[in-house]
Amino acid sequence: MTEQNNTGRIRPRRPGGVGGPPGAGSGRRRKPPAKSRRRLTILLSGVAAVLVLGGAGLGYVYVKLDGNIKGVDINAQLGTERPDDVDNGSLDILVLGSDSRAGDNAAYGEDEGGARSDTAMVVHVYEGHKKASVVSVPRDTLVDRPQCADSKGTPVPGEQRAMFNTAYEVGGPACAVKTVEAMSGIRMDHYIEVDFTGFKKLIDELGGVEITTTQPIKDSKSHLDLGPGTHTLDGEQSLGLVRTRKSVGDGSDLGRIQLQQAFMKAFIDQVKDVGVFTNPAKLLDLADAATKAITPDSELDSVQELMGFAKGLSGIGPDNVHMITLPVEYDPADPNRVIPLEAQSRQVWTALKTDRPIPASATKDAATGKAEGVVK
């Protein structure tokens, strides 16, 4: 017996889940076939990679690009103790930007032996795959981190009031996914991680991203110095923008998230305008950079699987992507940390779990970071 899995491939049904590995839970979501030919970019270079690969239909590049992709088996590491995967046609993806200082990333700080999730977004694709919501989770959010195991299977104790980004640091991708699932009660269908250096190279291959600033942005830590006006940012400057925090708004991570979301919108427009899908050479260069920039889960760790995934999202346009930040407030005990607003956060996760739009009331009275409108 066969059926279509989340990547668009046909595979045999296995015990422990529809088309998934044994012990991976049940009810893999079935998605309706895509009808539109447009490609969606949801999050920075992670989903840009999916977008690029969605157009790479030339068989001769598969071997080269497949060699760039290194996946991580989230399902095997987490087993069956996960939220139910409701079969309602929707799709949930955790996208992380890692702040590892190892290797080429050492230019952005000292390598202290670990990495943290510098950027985290939960992407919910609604039934029918015509629209999506993106929920940014501030890295400084204090959460109850569940017990995890690292990539070697070594147990990692749970911790109360732990910073959200420590989940990745102590337990890698699987622990980050487990923490998000514990917070939200929603099973993540996919995971995509974006690397600093790969992000820069992808933006450079794209030819830069045009943004407009309404006030100066100068941040020595992110190596960014922009005056008011319109700028075409190269990879280095783009990375600086999405990492800037102290020089905008109230200096918190919430302000940085607002910059990231504004950059995403500009990035989507840039991909639409550059015409990569009519330029095979440009497409191959972008696909090569993109596949080197990401670490996906094991169900997306080949060009064929990424192509099927992209085609399943191709009915979504950028105007149909709703972006918010998880509703939080500054921690009374430490203004450098934030804590979720319980009632409002529950509204967000309940809406996504039941495949409904996030109500405007969910973000009312939440801390914002005060960086709205700095980048357009």
Protein backbone atom coordinates (compact mmCIF):
# COMPACT_ATOMS: atom_id res chain seq x y z
CA MET A 1 0.00 0.00 0.00
CA THR A 2 1.42 3.42 -0.87
CA GLU A 3 0.59 7.07 -0.35
CA GLN A 4 2.11 10.51 -0.84
CA ASN A 5 4.31 11.79 1.98
CA ASN A 6 5.15 15.38 2.99
CA THR A 7 7.88 15.73 0.39
CA GLY A 8 5.64 14.82 -2.52
CA ARG A 9 7.18 11.38 -3.10
CA ILE A 10 5.35 8.07 -3.19
CA ARG A 11 6.66 5.64 -0.59
CA PRO A 12 5.42 2.45 1.03
CA ARG A 13 3.41 2.77 4.22
CA ARG A 14 5.46 1.65 7.21
CA PRO A 15 4.53 0.64 10.72
CA GLY A 16 4.58 3.48 13.24
CA GLY A 17 3.40 6.16 10.81
CA VAL A 18 2.14 6.78 7.32
CA GLY A 19 5.19 6.82 5.08
CA GLY A 20 7.47 7.59 8.04
CA PRO A 21 10.17 5.64 9.87
CA PRO A 22 9.15 3.09 12.51
CA GLY A 23 8.44 4.74 15.85
CA ALA A 24 7.93 8.16 14.32
CA GLY A 25 4.29 8.52 15.33
CA SER A 26 1.17 8.28 13.22
CA GLY A 27 -0.88 10.40 10.87
CA ARG A 28 1.61 12.05 8.49
CA ARG A 29 -0.27 14.90 6.91
CA ARG A 30 -1.61 14.54 3.39
CA LYS A 31 -1.39 17.69 1.33
CA PRO A 32 -3.44 18.57 -1.75
CA PRO A 33 -1.50 18.84 -5.02
CA ALA A 34 -0.05 22.26 -5.84
CA LYS A 35 -1.73 24.16 -8.71
CA SER A 36 0.19 27.45 -8.87
CA ARG A 37 3.63 27.70 -10.46
CA ARG A 38 4.92 30.38 -8.10
CA ARG A 39 7.57 29.53 -5.57
CA LEU A 40 7.39 30.59 -1.92
CA THR A 41 10.22 31.91 0.15
CA ILE A 42 9.18 31.86 3.80
CA LEU A 43 12.32 32.25 5.85
CA LEU A 44 15.65 33.75 4.85
CA SER A 45 18.00 31.32 3.12
CA GLY A 46 16.45 28.19 4.62
CA VAL A 47 13.25 28.37 2.64
CA ALA A 48 15.06 30.22 -0.13
CA ALA A 49 16.94 26.97 -0.59
CA VAL A 50 13.63 25.17 -0.99
CA LEU A 51 12.48 27.80 -3.45
CA VAL A 52 15.64 27.54 -5.52
CA LEU A 53 15.60 23.78 -5.58
CA GLY A 54 11.95 23.79 -6.57
CA GLY A 55 13.06 25.02 -9.97
CA ALA A 56 16.12 22.79 -10.31
CA GLY A 57 14.51 20.13 -12.44
CA LEU A 58 17.66 19.08 -14.31
CA GLY A 59 18.70 15.55 -13.47
CA TYR A 60 22.39 16.12 -14.13
CA VAL A 61 22.73 18.46 -11.15
CA TYR A 62 21.22 16.03 -8.63
CA VAL A 63 24.45 14.26 -7.71
CA LYS A 64 26.34 17.50 -7.17
CA LEU A 65 23.61 19.12 -5.11
CA ASP A 66 22.75 15.97 -3.15
CA GLY A 67 26.38 15.90 -2.00
CA ASN A 68 25.91 19.33 -0.42
CA ILE A 69 22.96 18.29 1.76
CA LYS A 70 23.55 16.86 5.22
CA GLY A 71 20.30 15.92 6.96
CA VAL A 72 19.46 15.17 10.60
CA ASP A 73 17.02 12.41 11.60
CA ILE A 74 14.70 14.22 14.03
CA ASN A 75 12.13 11.44 14.03
CA ALA A 76 14.60 8.76 15.10
CA GLN A 77 15.99 10.93 17.92
CA LEU A 78 12.59 11.93 19.33
CA GLY A 79 10.76 8.62 18.94
CA THR A 80 7.05 8.40 19.63
CA GLU A 81 6.64 10.73 22.63
CA ARG A 82 5.50 13.67 20.56
CA PRO A 83 2.25 15.58 19.94
CA ASP A 84 -0.27 13.91 17.66
CA ASP A 85 0.13 14.76 14.00
CA VAL A 86 -3.39 15.85 13.12
CA ASP A 87 -4.29 14.90 9.55
CA ASN A 88 -5.91 18.19 8.51
CA GLY A 89 -3.78 19.05 5.49
CA SER A 90 -1.67 21.67 7.29
CA LEU A 91 2.11 21.64 7.73
CA ASP A 92 4.41 22.93 10.49
CA ILE A 93 8.11 23.66 10.03
CA LEU A 94 10.70 24.81 12.57
CA VAL A 95 13.38 26.99 10.97
CA LEU A 96 16.47 27.89 12.99
CA GLY A 97 19.40 30.18 12.28
CA SER A 98 22.39 28.81 14.16
CA ASP A 99 24.94 31.11 15.80
CA SER A 100 27.74 28.54 15.84
CA ARG A 101 31.16 30.20 16.01
CA ALA A 102 32.99 27.18 14.62
CA GLY A 103 34.86 27.16 11.29
CA ASP A 104 34.15 30.07 8.95
CA ASN A 105 31.67 31.51 11.44
CA ALA A 106 34.46 32.34 13.90
CA ALA A 107 34.54 35.90 12.56
CA TYR A 108 31.30 36.55 14.48
CA GLY A 109 32.67 35.71 17.93
CA GLU A 110 34.68 33.23 19.94
CA ASP A 111 33.90 29.53 19.57
CA GLU A 112 32.87 28.47 23.06
CA GLY A 113 32.24 24.86 22.10
CA GLY A 114 28.54 25.11 21.36
CA ALA A 115 25.94 26.82 19.22
CA ARG A 116 22.60 28.42 19.97
CA SER A 117 19.53 29.10 17.87
CA ASP A 118 20.01 32.77 17.09
CA THR A 119 16.80 32.91 15.02
CA ALA A 120 13.78 30.64 15.46
CA MET A 121 10.54 30.66 13.51
CA VAL A 122 7.60 28.26 13.40
CA VAL A 123 6.09 28.28 9.92
CA HIS A 124 2.49 27.02 9.70
CA VAL A 125 1.16 26.28 6.21
CA TYR A 126 -2.63 26.14 6.21
CA GLU A 127 -4.77 23.45 4.61
CA GLY A 128 -4.87 23.99 0.87
CA HIS A 129 -1.37 25.50 0.98
CA LYS A 130 -2.48 28.97 -0.14
CA LYS A 131 -1.39 30.89 2.96
CA ALA A 132 0.95 30.63 5.94
CA SER A 133 1.65 32.14 9.36
CA VAL A 134 5.14 32.63 10.77
CA VAL A 135 5.70 32.87 14.55
CA SER A 136 9.10 34.18 15.62
CA VAL A 137 10.27 32.84 19.00
CA PRO A 138 12.67 35.25 20.76
CA ARG A 139 15.94 33.56 21.66
CA ASP A 140 15.83 35.11 25.15
CA THR A 141 12.42 33.62 26.00
CA LEU A 142 12.44 31.77 29.32
CA VAL A 143 10.81 28.36 28.92
CA ASP A 144 10.57 25.01 30.68
CA ARG A 145 12.99 23.01 28.57
CA PRO A 146 12.09 19.29 28.51
CA GLN A 147 14.54 16.48 29.07
CA CYS A 148 16.37 15.77 25.83
CA ALA A 149 19.16 13.66 24.43
CA ASP A 150 22.05 15.00 22.39
CA SER A 151 23.12 13.63 19.00
CA LYS A 152 25.09 10.84 20.72
CA GLY A 153 22.10 9.79 22.80
CA THR A 154 23.45 11.22 26.06
CA PRO A 155 20.55 12.37 28.30
CA VAL A 156 20.28 16.13 28.91
CA PRO A 157 18.23 17.08 32.00
CA GLY A 158 15.27 19.39 31.63
CA GLU A 159 15.42 22.88 33.12
CA GLN A 160 12.87 25.44 34.28
CA ARG A 161 13.28 29.06 33.19
CA ALA A 162 15.90 28.14 30.63
CA MET A 163 16.56 30.45 27.70
CA PHE A 164 14.89 29.07 24.61
CA ASN A 165 18.07 29.06 22.53
CA THR A 166 19.88 26.81 25.03
CA ALA A 167 17.80 23.87 23.78
CA TYR A 168 19.83 23.76 20.58
CA GLU A 169 23.06 24.37 22.51
CA VAL A 170 22.68 21.41 24.86
CA GLY A 171 20.79 18.94 22.66
CA GLY A 172 21.05 20.04 19.04
CA PRO A 173 18.20 20.14 16.51
CA ALA A 174 16.14 17.37 18.11
CA CYS A 175 16.10 19.14 21.48
CA ALA A 176 15.12 22.42 19.80
CA VAL A 177 12.23 20.64 18.07
CA LYS A 178 11.19 18.91 21.30
CA THR A 179 11.20 22.25 23.16
CA VAL A 180 9.01 23.90 20.51
CA GLU A 181 6.63 20.96 20.55
CA ALA A 182 6.42 21.14 24.36
CA MET A 183 5.68 24.88 24.20
CA SER A 184 3.12 24.71 21.43
CA GLY A 185 1.58 21.24 21.64
CA ILE A 186 2.09 21.06 17.87
CA ARG A 187 4.14 18.40 16.10
CA MET A 188 6.78 19.80 13.75
CA ASP A 189 6.65 18.10 10.35
CA HIS A 190 10.00 19.46 9.21
CA TYR A 191 13.16 21.16 10.43
CA ILE A 192 15.49 23.46 8.47
CA GLU A 193 18.66 24.99 9.92
CA VAL A 194 20.49 27.91 8.29
CA ASP A 195 24.24 28.52 8.63
CA PHE A 196 25.80 32.00 8.91
CA THR A 197 28.41 31.57 6.20
CA GLY A 198 26.01 29.82 3.84
CA PHE A 199 23.48 32.61 4.33
CA LYS A 200 26.03 35.22 3.27
CA LYS A 201 27.06 33.29 0.16
CA LEU A 202 23.46 32.77 -0.89
CA ILE A 203 22.69 36.51 -0.67
CA ASP A 204 25.82 37.30 -2.69
CA GLU A 205 24.80 34.80 -5.38
CA LEU A 206 21.38 36.44 -5.46
CA GLY A 207 23.02 39.80 -6.13
CA GLY A 208 22.11 41.39 -2.81
CA VAL A 209 18.83 42.48 -1.22
CA GLU A 210 17.44 46.00 -1.44
CA ILE A 211 16.07 47.56 1.75
CA THR A 212 15.17 51.08 2.87
CA THR A 213 16.12 52.38 6.31
CA THR A 214 14.27 55.24 7.97
CA GLN A 215 17.02 55.97 10.51
CA PRO A 216 20.74 55.22 10.90
CA ILE A 217 21.72 51.69 11.94
CA LYS A 218 25.25 51.37 13.32
CA ASP A 219 26.16 48.25 15.24
CA SER A 220 29.81 47.34 15.87
CA LYS A 221 28.95 43.78 16.95
CA SER A 222 27.10 42.98 13.74
CA HIS A 223 29.54 45.04 11.61
CA LEU A 224 26.72 47.16 10.18
CA ASP A 225 26.81 50.89 9.39
CA LEU A 226 23.88 52.21 7.34
CA GLY A 227 22.50 55.71 6.98
CA PRO A 228 18.87 56.51 6.23
CA GLY A 229 17.90 55.66 2.68
CA THR A 230 17.84 52.80 0.19
CA HIS A 231 20.63 50.23 0.21
CA THR A 232 21.45 47.02 -1.63
CA LEU A 233 22.91 44.79 1.05
CA ASP A 234 25.48 42.14 0.19
CA GLY A 235 25.73 38.92 2.18
CA GLU A 236 27.90 40.38 4.93
CA GLN A 237 25.60 43.39 5.40
CA SER A 238 22.46 41.23 5.26
CA LEU A 239 23.83 38.99 7.99
CA GLY A 240 24.67 42.10 10.00
CA LEU A 241 21.12 43.40 9.64
CA VAL A 242 19.39 40.23 10.81
CA ARG A 243 21.78 40.04 13.79
CA THR A 244 21.56 43.70 14.85
CA ARG A 245 19.86 44.36 18.18
CA LYS A 246 21.57 46.99 20.38
CA SER A 247 21.32 49.85 17.88
CA VAL A 248 17.59 49.65 17.10
CA GLY A 249 14.42 50.06 19.16
CA ASP A 250 14.89 49.23 22.81
CA GLY A 251 17.99 47.13 22.12
CA SER A 252 16.26 43.84 22.81
CA ASP A 253 15.98 40.67 20.77
CA LEU A 254 12.41 41.71 19.97
CA GLY A 255 13.69 44.64 17.91
CA ARG A 256 16.03 42.32 16.05
CA ILE A 257 13.10 40.08 15.17
CA GLN A 258 11.31 43.06 13.62
CA LEU A 259 14.37 43.71 11.45
CA GLN A 260 14.45 40.05 10.45
CA GLN A 261 10.80 40.07 9.43
CA ALA A 262 11.26 43.26 7.40
CA PHE A 263 14.29 41.74 5.70
CA MET A 264 12.30 38.61 4.85
CA LYS A 265 9.72 40.67 2.96
CA ALA A 266 12.46 42.45 1.00
CA PHE A 267 14.15 39.14 0.31
CA ILE A 268 10.98 37.61 -1.09
CA ASP A 269 10.55 40.58 -3.44
CA GLN A 270 14.18 40.28 -4.55
CA VAL A 271 13.81 36.59 -5.43
CA LYS A 272 10.69 37.39 -7.45
CA ASP A 273 12.47 40.14 -9.40
CA VAL A 274 15.80 38.49 -10.15
CA GLY A 275 14.37 36.03 -12.68
CA VAL A 276 16.38 33.02 -11.56
CA PHE A 277 13.88 30.57 -13.00
CA THR A 278 14.56 31.78 -16.55
CA ASN A 279 18.36 31.71 -16.08
CA PRO A 280 19.66 28.12 -15.70
CA ALA A 281 23.22 29.16 -14.85
CA LYS A 282 22.01 31.54 -12.14
CA LEU A 283 19.66 28.90 -10.84
CA LEU A 284 22.44 26.32 -10.53
CA ASP A 285 24.71 28.76 -8.69
CA LEU A 286 21.91 29.62 -6.29
CA ALA A 287 20.99 25.98 -5.78
CA ASP A 288 24.61 25.13 -5.01
CA ALA A 289 24.85 27.93 -2.43
CA ALA A 290 21.44 27.12 -0.98
CA THR A 291 22.09 23.41 -0.45
CA LYS A 292 25.36 24.27 1.31
CA ALA A 293 23.56 26.79 3.56
CA ILE A 294 21.02 24.48 5.16
CA THR A 295 20.72 21.37 7.30
CA PRO A 296 17.22 19.89 6.82
CA ASP A 297 15.54 16.96 8.53
CA SER A 298 16.04 13.52 7.02
CA GLU A 299 12.79 13.71 5.03
CA LEU A 300 14.15 16.71 3.09
CA ASP A 301 17.79 15.67 2.70
CA SER A 302 17.84 15.20 -1.06
CA VAL A 303 17.17 17.39 -4.08
CA GLN A 304 14.21 15.24 -5.07
CA GLU A 305 12.62 15.55 -1.62
CA LEU A 306 13.21 19.31 -1.48
CA MET A 307 11.68 19.69 -4.94
CA GLY A 308 8.56 17.83 -3.85
CA PHE A 309 8.38 19.96 -0.72
CA ALA A 310 8.70 23.19 -2.72
CA LYS A 311 6.02 22.14 -5.18
CA GLY A 312 3.69 21.49 -2.26
CA LEU A 313 4.15 25.12 -1.15
CA SER A 314 4.05 26.75 -4.56
CA GLY A 315 0.49 28.03 -4.17
CA ILE A 316 1.52 30.54 -1.49
CA GLY A 317 2.44 34.10 -2.40
CA PRO A 318 4.35 36.52 -0.13
CA ASP A 319 1.22 38.60 0.46
CA ASN A 320 -0.38 35.54 2.06
CA VAL A 321 2.27 35.11 4.74
CA HIS A 322 1.31 36.55 8.15
CA MET A 323 4.26 37.21 10.49
CA ILE A 324 4.10 37.76 14.24
CA THR A 325 6.35 37.44 17.28
CA LEU A 326 5.31 35.07 20.05
CA PRO A 327 3.46 37.28 22.59
CA VAL A 328 5.87 37.97 25.45
CA GLU A 329 6.59 40.45 28.20
CA TYR A 330 9.87 41.46 29.81
CA ASP A 331 10.73 39.26 32.77
CA PRO A 332 10.21 41.25 36.01
CA ALA A 333 13.20 39.47 37.52
CA ASP A 334 15.51 40.16 34.57
CA PRO A 335 14.73 42.81 31.92
CA ASN A 336 17.20 41.11 29.56
CA ARG A 337 14.86 38.12 29.31
CA VAL A 338 11.24 37.72 28.20
CA ILE A 339 8.50 35.35 29.28
CA PRO A 340 5.49 34.23 27.23
CA LEU A 341 2.16 35.88 27.92
CA GLU A 342 0.28 32.72 28.82
CA ALA A 343 -3.21 33.52 27.57
CA GLN A 344 -2.07 35.20 24.35
CA SER A 345 0.50 32.50 23.56
CA ARG A 346 -2.20 29.88 24.04
CA GLN A 347 -4.31 31.76 21.48
CA VAL A 348 -1.46 31.59 18.97
CA TRP A 349 -0.76 27.88 19.38
CA THR A 350 -4.43 26.94 19.50
CA ALA A 351 -5.08 28.82 16.27
CA LEU A 352 -2.26 27.03 14.48
CA LYS A 353 -3.13 23.64 15.94
CA THR A 354 -6.70 23.97 14.69
CA ASP A 355 -5.53 25.47 11.37
CA ARG A 356 -7.16 28.86 11.93
CA PRO A 357 -5.76 32.39 11.48
CA ILE A 358 -4.00 33.92 14.48
CA PRO A 359 -6.40 36.45 16.04
CA ALA A 360 -5.25 40.07 16.37
CA SER A 361 -6.04 39.92 20.10
CA ALA A 362 -3.19 37.43 20.56
CA THR A 363 -0.53 40.13 20.13
CA LYS A 364 -2.33 42.93 21.97
CA ASP A 365 -0.27 44.40 24.84
CA ALA A 366 2.73 42.20 24.01
CA ALA A 367 6.25 43.65 24.12
CA THR A 368 7.43 44.67 20.65
CA GLY A 369 11.03 45.87 20.84
CA LYS A 370 10.02 49.26 19.40
CA ALA A 371 11.81 48.83 16.08
CA GLU A 372 8.76 49.02 13.83
CA GLY A 373 9.36 50.87 10.59
CA VAL A 374 13.16 51.08 10.91
CA VAL A 375 13.51 48.93 7.79
CA LYS A 376 11.05 48.90 4.88
